[in-house]
PDB file of all heavy atoms in Angstrom:
ATOM      1  N   GLU A   1      75.356  96.483 129.962  1.00  0.00           N
ATOM      2  CA  GLU A   1      74.766  95.398 129.179  1.00  0.00           C
ATOM      3  C   GLU A   1      73.408  95.771 128.621  1.00  0.00           C
ATOM      4  O   GLU A   1      72.968  95.225 127.613  1.00  0.00           O
ATOM      5  CB  GLU A   1      74.647  94.139 130.040  1.00  0.00           C
ATOM      6  CG  GLU A   1      75.995  93.546 130.443  1.00  0.00           C
ATOM      7  CD  GLU A   1      75.850  92.237 131.194  1.00  0.00           C
ATOM      8  OE1 GLU A   1      74.694  91.785 131.374  1.00  0.00           O
ATOM      9  OE2 GLU A   1      76.877  91.657 131.590  1.00  0.00           O
ATOM     10  N   ASP A   2      72.720  96.732 129.278  1.00  0.00           N
ATOM     11  CA  ASP A   2      71.365  97.104 128.868  1.00  0.00           C
ATOM     12  C   ASP A   2      71.130  98.554 129.259  1.00  0.00           C
ATOM     13  O   ASP A   2      71.133  98.879 130.446  1.00  0.00           O
ATOM     14  CB  ASP A   2      70.344  96.190 129.548  1.00  0.00           C
ATOM     15  CG  ASP A   2      68.911  96.467 129.113  1.00  0.00           C
ATOM     16  OD1 ASP A   2      68.709  97.379 128.285  1.00  0.00           O
ATOM     17  OD2 ASP A   2      68.006  95.788 129.619  1.00  0.00           O
ATOM     18  N   PHE A   3      70.950  99.432 128.278  1.00  0.00           N
ATOM     19  CA  PHE A   3      70.725 100.844 128.584  1.00  0.00           C
ATOM     20  C   PHE A   3      69.459 101.050 129.409  1.00  0.00           C
ATOM     21  O   PHE A   3      69.402 101.924 130.270  1.00  0.00           O
ATOM     22  CB  PHE A   3      70.625 101.657 127.286  1.00  0.00           C
ATOM     23  CG  PHE A   3      71.903 101.706 126.495  1.00  0.00           C
ATOM     24  CD1 PHE A   3      71.964 101.185 125.210  1.00  0.00           C
ATOM     25  CD2 PHE A   3      73.056 102.264 127.029  1.00  0.00           C
ATOM     26  CE1 PHE A   3      73.132 101.226 124.478  1.00  0.00           C
ATOM     27  CE2 PHE A   3      74.237 102.306 126.307  1.00  0.00           C
ATOM     28  CZ  PHE A   3      74.281 101.789 125.027  1.00  0.00           C
ATOM     29  N   ALA A   4      68.442 100.252 129.141  1.00  0.00           N
ATOM     30  CA  ALA A   4      67.165 100.416 129.840  1.00  0.00           C
ATOM     31  C   ALA A   4      67.267 100.066 131.318  1.00  0.00           C
ATOM     32  O   ALA A   4      66.453 100.515 132.124  1.00  0.00           O
ATOM     33  CB  ALA A   4      66.094  99.548 129.174  1.00  0.00           C
ATOM     34  N   ALA A   5      68.273  99.274 131.669  1.00  0.00           N
ATOM     35  CA  ALA A   5      68.425  98.847 133.065  1.00  0.00           C
ATOM     36  C   ALA A   5      69.299  99.796 133.873  1.00  0.00           C
ATOM     37  O   ALA A   5      69.497  99.587 135.072  1.00  0.00           O
ATOM     38  CB  ALA A   5      69.024  97.444 133.119  1.00  0.00           C
ATOM     39  N   VAL A   6      69.809 100.833 133.227  1.00  0.00           N
ATOM     40  CA  VAL A   6      70.719 101.775 133.885  1.00  0.00           C
ATOM     41  C   VAL A   6      70.181 103.191 133.731  1.00  0.00           C
ATOM     42  O   VAL A   6      69.794 103.595 132.624  1.00  0.00           O
ATOM     43  CB  VAL A   6      72.129 101.688 133.254  1.00  0.00           C
ATOM     44  CG1 VAL A   6      73.071 102.696 133.902  1.00  0.00           C
ATOM     45  CG2 VAL A   6      72.687 100.280 133.370  1.00  0.00           C
ATOM     46  N   ASP A   7      70.147 103.942 134.812  1.00  0.00           N
ATOM     47  CA  ASP A   7      69.763 105.355 134.740  1.00  0.00           C
ATOM     48  C   ASP A   7      71.002 106.152 134.319  1.00  0.00           C
ATOM     49  O   ASP A   7      71.622 106.864 135.112  1.00  0.00           O
ATOM     50  CB  ASP A   7      69.235 105.836 136.095  1.00  0.00           C
ATOM     51  CG  ASP A   7      68.614 107.232 136.014  1.00  0.00           C
ATOM     52  OD1 ASP A   7      68.704 107.868 134.938  1.00  0.00           O
ATOM     53  OD2 ASP A   7      68.069 107.691 137.032  1.00  0.00           O
ATOM     54  N   TRP A   8      71.355 106.000 133.045  1.00  0.00           N
ATOM     55  CA  TRP A   8      72.612 106.573 132.589  1.00  0.00           C
ATOM     56  C   TRP A   8      72.605 108.099 132.542  1.00  0.00           C
ATOM     57  O   TRP A   8      73.669 108.727 132.659  1.00  0.00           O
ATOM     58  CB  TRP A   8      73.003 105.985 131.226  1.00  0.00           C
ATOM     59  CG  TRP A   8      72.042 106.233 130.093  1.00  0.00           C
ATOM     60  CD1 TRP A   8      71.024 105.440 129.697  1.00  0.00           C
ATOM     61  CD2 TRP A   8      72.049 107.362 129.215  1.00  0.00           C
ATOM     62  NE1 TRP A   8      70.385 105.990 128.617  1.00  0.00           N
ATOM     63  CE2 TRP A   8      70.993 107.173 128.306  1.00  0.00           C
ATOM     64  CE3 TRP A   8      72.840 108.504 129.101  1.00  0.00           C
ATOM     65  CZ2 TRP A   8      70.700 108.098 127.292  1.00  0.00           C
ATOM     66  CZ3 TRP A   8      72.561 109.417 128.097  1.00  0.00           C
ATOM     67  CH2 TRP A   8      71.505 109.211 127.213  1.00  0.00           C
ATOM     68  N   ARG A   9      71.457 108.703 132.410  1.00  0.00           N
ATOM     69  CA  ARG A   9      71.406 110.173 132.442  1.00  0.00           C
ATOM     70  C   ARG A   9      71.771 110.687 133.830  1.00  0.00           C
ATOM     71  O   ARG A   9      72.501 111.677 133.964  1.00  0.00           O
ATOM     72  CB  ARG A   9      70.024 110.657 132.017  1.00  0.00           C
ATOM     73  CG  ARG A   9      69.678 110.330 130.563  1.00  0.00           C
ATOM     74  CD  ARG A   9      68.255 110.745 130.214  1.00  0.00           C
ATOM     75  NE  ARG A   9      67.918 110.429 128.829  1.00  0.00           N
ATOM     76  CZ  ARG A   9      67.431 109.252 128.423  1.00  0.00           C
ATOM     77  NH1 ARG A   9      67.233 108.270 129.315  1.00  0.00           N
ATOM     78  NH2 ARG A   9      67.148 109.049 127.147  1.00  0.00           N
ATOM     79  N   ARG A  10      71.252 110.051 134.863  1.00  0.00           N
ATOM     80  CA  ARG A  10      71.606 110.445 136.226  1.00  0.00           C
ATOM     81  C   ARG A  10      73.099 110.230 136.461  1.00  0.00           C
ATOM     82  O   ARG A  10      73.794 111.108 136.998  1.00  0.00           O
ATOM     83  CB  ARG A  10      70.809 109.624 137.240  1.00  0.00           C
ATOM     84  CG  ARG A  10      71.140 109.945 138.716  1.00  0.00           C
ATOM     85  CD  ARG A  10      70.439 108.989 139.670  1.00  0.00           C
ATOM     86  NE  ARG A  10      71.001 107.643 139.613  1.00  0.00           N
ATOM     87  CZ  ARG A  10      72.051 107.248 140.357  1.00  0.00           C
ATOM     88  NH1 ARG A  10      72.645 108.092 141.189  1.00  0.00           N
ATOM     89  NH2 ARG A  10      72.502 106.016 140.252  1.00  0.00           N
ATOM     90  N   LEU A  11      73.594 109.076 136.037  1.00  0.00           N
ATOM     91  CA  LEU A  11      75.009 108.786 136.206  1.00  0.00           C
ATOM     92  C   LEU A  11      75.879 109.758 135.410  1.00  0.00           C
ATOM     93  O   LEU A  11      76.929 110.216 135.879  1.00  0.00           O
ATOM     94  CB  LEU A  11      75.301 107.344 135.788  1.00  0.00           C
ATOM     95  CG  LEU A  11      74.678 106.247 136.652  1.00  0.00           C
ATOM     96  CD1 LEU A  11      74.911 104.880 136.023  1.00  0.00           C
ATOM     97  CD2 LEU A  11      75.228 106.296 138.067  1.00  0.00           C
ATOM     98  N   GLY A  12      75.462 110.067 134.195  1.00  0.00           N
ATOM     99  CA  GLY A  12      76.217 111.000 133.377  1.00  0.00           C
ATOM    100  C   GLY A  12      76.340 112.353 134.025  1.00  0.00           C
ATOM    101  O   GLY A  12      77.422 112.968 134.038  1.00  0.00           O
ATOM    102  N   ARG A  13      75.239 112.831 134.589  1.00  0.00           N
ATOM    103  CA  ARG A  13      75.247 114.132 135.271  1.00  0.00           C
ATOM    104  C   ARG A  13      76.196 114.115 136.470  1.00  0.00           C
ATOM    105  O   ARG A  13      76.949 115.074 136.696  1.00  0.00           O
ATOM    106  CB  ARG A  13      73.825 114.476 135.715  1.00  0.00           C
ATOM    107  CG  ARG A  13      73.661 115.891 136.250  1.00  0.00           C
ATOM    108  CD  ARG A  13      72.221 116.170 136.620  1.00  0.00           C
ATOM    109  NE  ARG A  13      71.355 116.190 135.434  1.00  0.00           N
ATOM    110  CZ  ARG A  13      70.482 115.229 135.126  1.00  0.00           C
ATOM    111  NH1 ARG A  13      70.353 114.165 135.903  1.00  0.00           N
ATOM    112  NH2 ARG A  13      69.739 115.337 134.051  1.00  0.00           N
ATOM    113  N   LEU A  14      76.193 113.011 137.215  1.00  0.00           N
ATOM    114  CA  LEU A  14      77.058 112.908 138.387  1.00  0.00           C
ATOM    115  C   LEU A  14      78.525 112.812 137.996  1.00  0.00           C
ATOM    116  O   LEU A  14      79.393 113.456 138.606  1.00  0.00           O
ATOM    117  CB  LEU A  14      76.674 111.672 139.214  1.00  0.00           C
ATOM    118  CG  LEU A  14      75.338 111.713 139.969  1.00  0.00           C
ATOM    119  CD1 LEU A  14      75.057 110.367 140.610  1.00  0.00           C
ATOM    120  CD2 LEU A  14      75.357 112.817 141.027  1.00  0.00           C
ATOM    121  N   ILE A  15      78.817 112.015 136.978  1.00  0.00           N
ATOM    122  CA  ILE A  15      80.207 111.796 136.594  1.00  0.00           C
ATOM    123  C   ILE A  15      80.793 113.025 135.910  1.00  0.00           C
ATOM    124  O   ILE A  15      81.971 113.366 136.107  1.00  0.00           O
ATOM    125  CB  ILE A  15      80.321 110.550 135.689  1.00  0.00           C
ATOM    126  CG1 ILE A  15      79.890 109.293 136.452  1.00  0.00           C
ATOM    127  CG2 ILE A  15      81.747 110.391 135.173  1.00  0.00           C
ATOM    128  CD1 ILE A  15      79.769 108.052 135.583  1.00  0.00           C
ATOM    129  N   GLU A  16      80.000 113.716 135.075  1.00  0.00           N
ATOM    130  CA  GLU A  16      80.501 114.894 134.352  1.00  0.00           C
ATOM    131  C   GLU A  16      81.177 115.876 135.300  1.00  0.00           C
ATOM    132  O   GLU A  16      82.263 116.394 135.011  1.00  0.00           O
ATOM    133  CB  GLU A  16      79.357 115.606 133.625  1.00  0.00           C
ATOM    134  CG  GLU A  16      79.805 116.896 132.951  1.00  0.00           C
ATOM    135  CD  GLU A  16      78.660 117.833 132.595  1.00  0.00           C
ATOM    136  OE1 GLU A  16      77.497 117.496 132.852  1.00  0.00           O
ATOM    137  OE2 GLU A  16      78.947 118.916 132.054  1.00  0.00           O
ATOM    138  N   ALA A  17      80.551 116.162 136.432  1.00  0.00           N
ATOM    139  CA  ALA A  17      81.056 117.169 137.359  1.00  0.00           C
ATOM    140  C   ALA A  17      81.717 116.547 138.586  1.00  0.00           C
ATOM    141  O   ALA A  17      81.879 117.213 139.603  1.00  0.00           O
ATOM    142  CB  ALA A  17      79.914 118.086 137.794  1.00  0.00           C
ATOM    143  N   HIS A  18      82.126 115.290 138.489  1.00  0.00           N
ATOM    144  CA  HIS A  18      82.728 114.601 139.630  1.00  0.00           C
ATOM    145  C   HIS A  18      84.030 115.307 140.051  1.00  0.00           C
ATOM    146  O   HIS A  18      84.804 115.785 139.202  1.00  0.00           O
ATOM    147  CB  HIS A  18      83.030 113.150 139.253  1.00  0.00           C
ATOM    148  CG  HIS A  18      83.290 112.257 140.419  1.00  0.00           C
ATOM    149  ND1 HIS A  18      84.479 112.264 141.104  1.00  0.00           N
ATOM    150  CD2 HIS A  18      82.508 111.326 141.028  1.00  0.00           C
ATOM    151  CE1 HIS A  18      84.440 111.372 142.083  1.00  0.00           C
ATOM    152  NE2 HIS A  18      83.249 110.788 142.058  1.00  0.00           N
ATOM    153  N   ALA A  19      84.279 115.359 141.346  1.00  0.00           N
ATOM    154  CA  ALA A  19      85.450 116.056 141.874  1.00  0.00           C
ATOM    155  C   ALA A  19      86.758 115.477 141.359  1.00  0.00           C
ATOM    156  O   ALA A  19      87.782 116.176 141.330  1.00  0.00           O
ATOM    157  CB  ALA A  19      85.425 116.011 143.401  1.00  0.00           C
ATOM    158  N   GLN A  20      86.761 114.224 140.951  1.00  0.00           N
ATOM    159  CA  GLN A  20      87.995 113.618 140.445  1.00  0.00           C
ATOM    160  C   GLN A  20      88.295 114.008 139.002  1.00  0.00           C
ATOM    161  O   GLN A  20      89.365 113.673 138.478  1.00  0.00           O
ATOM    162  CB  GLN A  20      87.946 112.094 140.582  1.00  0.00           C
ATOM    163  CG  GLN A  20      88.065 111.637 142.040  1.00  0.00           C
ATOM    164  CD  GLN A  20      88.201 110.132 142.172  1.00  0.00           C
ATOM    165  OE1 GLN A  20      87.410 109.493 142.863  1.00  0.00           O
ATOM    166  NE2 GLN A  20      89.197 109.555 141.528  1.00  0.00           N
ATOM    167  N   PHE A  21      87.373 114.740 138.353  1.00  0.00           N
ATOM    168  CA  PHE A  21      87.605 115.291 137.014  1.00  0.00           C
ATOM    169  C   PHE A  21      87.629 116.809 137.131  1.00  0.00           C
ATOM    170  O   PHE A  21      86.595 117.470 136.986  1.00  0.00           O
ATOM    171  CB  PHE A  21      86.524 114.829 136.035  1.00  0.00           C
ATOM    172  CG  PHE A  21      86.561 113.352 135.747  1.00  0.00           C
ATOM    173  CD1 PHE A  21      85.677 112.482 136.366  1.00  0.00           C
ATOM    174  CD2 PHE A  21      87.489 112.842 134.858  1.00  0.00           C
ATOM    175  CE1 PHE A  21      85.709 111.120 136.103  1.00  0.00           C
ATOM    176  CE2 PHE A  21      87.530 111.477 134.582  1.00  0.00           C
ATOM    177  CZ  PHE A  21      86.642 110.618 135.212  1.00  0.00           C
ATOM    178  N   PRO A  22      88.769 117.411 137.404  1.00  0.00           N
ATOM    179  CA  PRO A  22      88.829 118.856 137.679  1.00  0.00           C
ATOM    180  C   PRO A  22      88.401 119.735 136.503  1.00  0.00           C
ATOM    181  O   PRO A  22      87.974 120.873 136.711  1.00  0.00           O
ATOM    182  CB  PRO A  22      90.302 119.083 138.039  1.00  0.00           C
ATOM    183  CG  PRO A  22      91.031 117.919 137.447  1.00  0.00           C
ATOM    184  CD  PRO A  22      90.075 116.758 137.529  1.00  0.00           C
ATOM    185  N   ALA A  23      88.515 119.236 135.279  1.00  0.00           N
ATOM    186  CA  ALA A  23      88.069 119.988 134.102  1.00  0.00           C
ATOM    187  C   ALA A  23      86.715 119.487 133.604  1.00  0.00           C
ATOM    188  O   ALA A  23      86.304 119.816 132.500  1.00  0.00           O
ATOM    189  CB  ALA A  23      89.105 119.893 132.985  1.00  0.00           C
ATOM    190  N   HIS A  24      86.020 118.670 134.452  1.00  0.00           N
ATOM    191  CA  HIS A  24      84.799 117.966 134.068  1.00  0.00           C
ATOM    192  C   HIS A  24      85.119 116.973 132.951  1.00  0.00           C
ATOM    193  O   HIS A  24      86.239 116.918 132.446  1.00  0.00           O
ATOM    194  CB  HIS A  24      83.698 118.942 133.674  1.00  0.00           C
ATOM    195  CG  HIS A  24      83.179 119.738 134.837  1.00  0.00           C
ATOM    196  ND1 HIS A  24      82.002 120.453 134.786  1.00  0.00           N
ATOM    197  CD2 HIS A  24      83.669 119.954 136.091  1.00  0.00           C
ATOM    198  CE1 HIS A  24      81.791 121.063 135.935  1.00  0.00           C
ATOM    199  NE2 HIS A  24      82.797 120.779 136.744  1.00  0.00           N
ATOM    200  N   THR A  25      84.143 116.187 132.553  1.00  0.00           N
ATOM    201  CA  THR A  25      84.421 115.151 131.556  1.00  0.00           C
ATOM    202  C   THR A  25      83.189 114.830 130.733  1.00  0.00           C
ATOM    203  O   THR A  25      82.050 114.996 131.196  1.00  0.00           O
ATOM    204  CB  THR A  25      84.919 113.855 132.247  1.00  0.00           C
ATOM    205  OG1 THR A  25      85.267 112.891 131.238  1.00  0.00           O
ATOM    206  CG2 THR A  25      83.845 113.256 133.154  1.00  0.00           C
ATOM    207  N   ASN A  26      83.423 114.380 129.506  1.00  0.00           N
ATOM    208  CA  ASN A  26      82.368 113.750 128.725  1.00  0.00           C
ATOM    209  C   ASN A  26      82.178 112.339 129.259  1.00  0.00           C
ATOM    210  O   ASN A  26      83.144 111.707 129.711  1.00  0.00           O
ATOM    211  CB  ASN A  26      82.742 113.688 127.242  1.00  0.00           C
ATOM    212  CG  ASN A  26      82.931 115.060 126.635  1.00  0.00           C
ATOM    213  OD1 ASN A  26      82.311 116.034 127.043  1.00  0.00           O
ATOM    214  ND2 ASN A  26      83.820 115.146 125.662  1.00  0.00           N
ATOM    215  N   VAL A  27      80.954 111.832 129.204  1.00  0.00           N
ATOM    216  CA  VAL A  27      80.672 110.502 129.733  1.00  0.00           C
ATOM    217  C   VAL A  27      79.989 109.682 128.644  1.00  0.00           C
ATOM    218  O   VAL A  27      78.984 110.115 128.061  1.00  0.00           O
ATOM    219  CB  VAL A  27      79.763 110.561 130.977  1.00  0.00           C
ATOM    220  CG1 VAL A  27      79.681 109.179 131.631  1.00  0.00           C
ATOM    221  CG2 VAL A  27      80.269 111.604 131.974  1.00  0.00           C
ATOM    222  N   GLU A  28      80.550 108.498 128.370  1.00  0.00           N
ATOM    223  CA  GLU A  28      79.981 107.597 127.365  1.00  0.00           C
ATOM    224  C   GLU A  28      79.573 106.282 128.030  1.00  0.00           C
ATOM    225  O   GLU A  28      80.363 105.706 128.790  1.00  0.00           O
ATOM    226  CB  GLU A  28      80.992 107.304 126.250  1.00  0.00           C
ATOM    227  CG  GLU A  28      81.273 108.475 125.325  1.00  0.00           C
ATOM    228  CD  GLU A  28      82.312 109.428 125.874  1.00  0.00           C
ATOM    229  OE1 GLU A  28      83.262 108.950 126.534  1.00  0.00           O
ATOM    230  OE2 GLU A  28      82.184 110.646 125.638  1.00  0.00           O
ATOM    231  N   PHE A  29      78.379 105.840 127.717  1.00  0.00           N
ATOM    232  CA  PHE A  29      77.884 104.551 128.192  1.00  0.00           C
ATOM    233  C   PHE A  29      77.899 103.610 126.994  1.00  0.00           C
ATOM    234  O   PHE A  29      77.263 103.890 125.970  1.00  0.00           O
ATOM    235  CB  PHE A  29      76.495 104.705 128.801  1.00  0.00           C
ATOM    236  CG  PHE A  29      76.511 105.604 130.007  1.00  0.00           C
ATOM    237  CD1 PHE A  29      76.389 106.985 129.870  1.00  0.00           C
ATOM    238  CD2 PHE A  29      76.681 105.077 131.287  1.00  0.00           C
ATOM    239  CE1 PHE A  29      76.438 107.822 130.975  1.00  0.00           C
ATOM    240  CE2 PHE A  29      76.724 105.903 132.395  1.00  0.00           C
ATOM    241  CZ  PHE A  29      76.601 107.274 132.243  1.00  0.00           C
ATOM    242  N   VAL A  30      78.633 102.516 127.129  1.00  0.00           N
ATOM    243  CA  VAL A  30      78.981 101.677 125.985  1.00  0.00           C
ATOM    244  C   VAL A  30      78.426 100.262 126.164  1.00  0.00           C
ATOM    245  O   VAL A  30      78.668  99.626 127.189  1.00  0.00           O
ATOM    246  CB  VAL A  30      80.515 101.601 125.818  1.00  0.00           C
ATOM    247  CG1 VAL A  30      80.869 100.822 124.550  1.00  0.00           C
ATOM    248  CG2 VAL A  30      81.133 102.995 125.802  1.00  0.00           C
TER     249      VAL A  30
END
């Protein structure tokens, strides 16, 4: 709902290399 209220860069870094994405993933915050 608000980009400023979310540390989306930290989350993006964590999700990109998450173990459940074996080929890694692009991450979009919408």
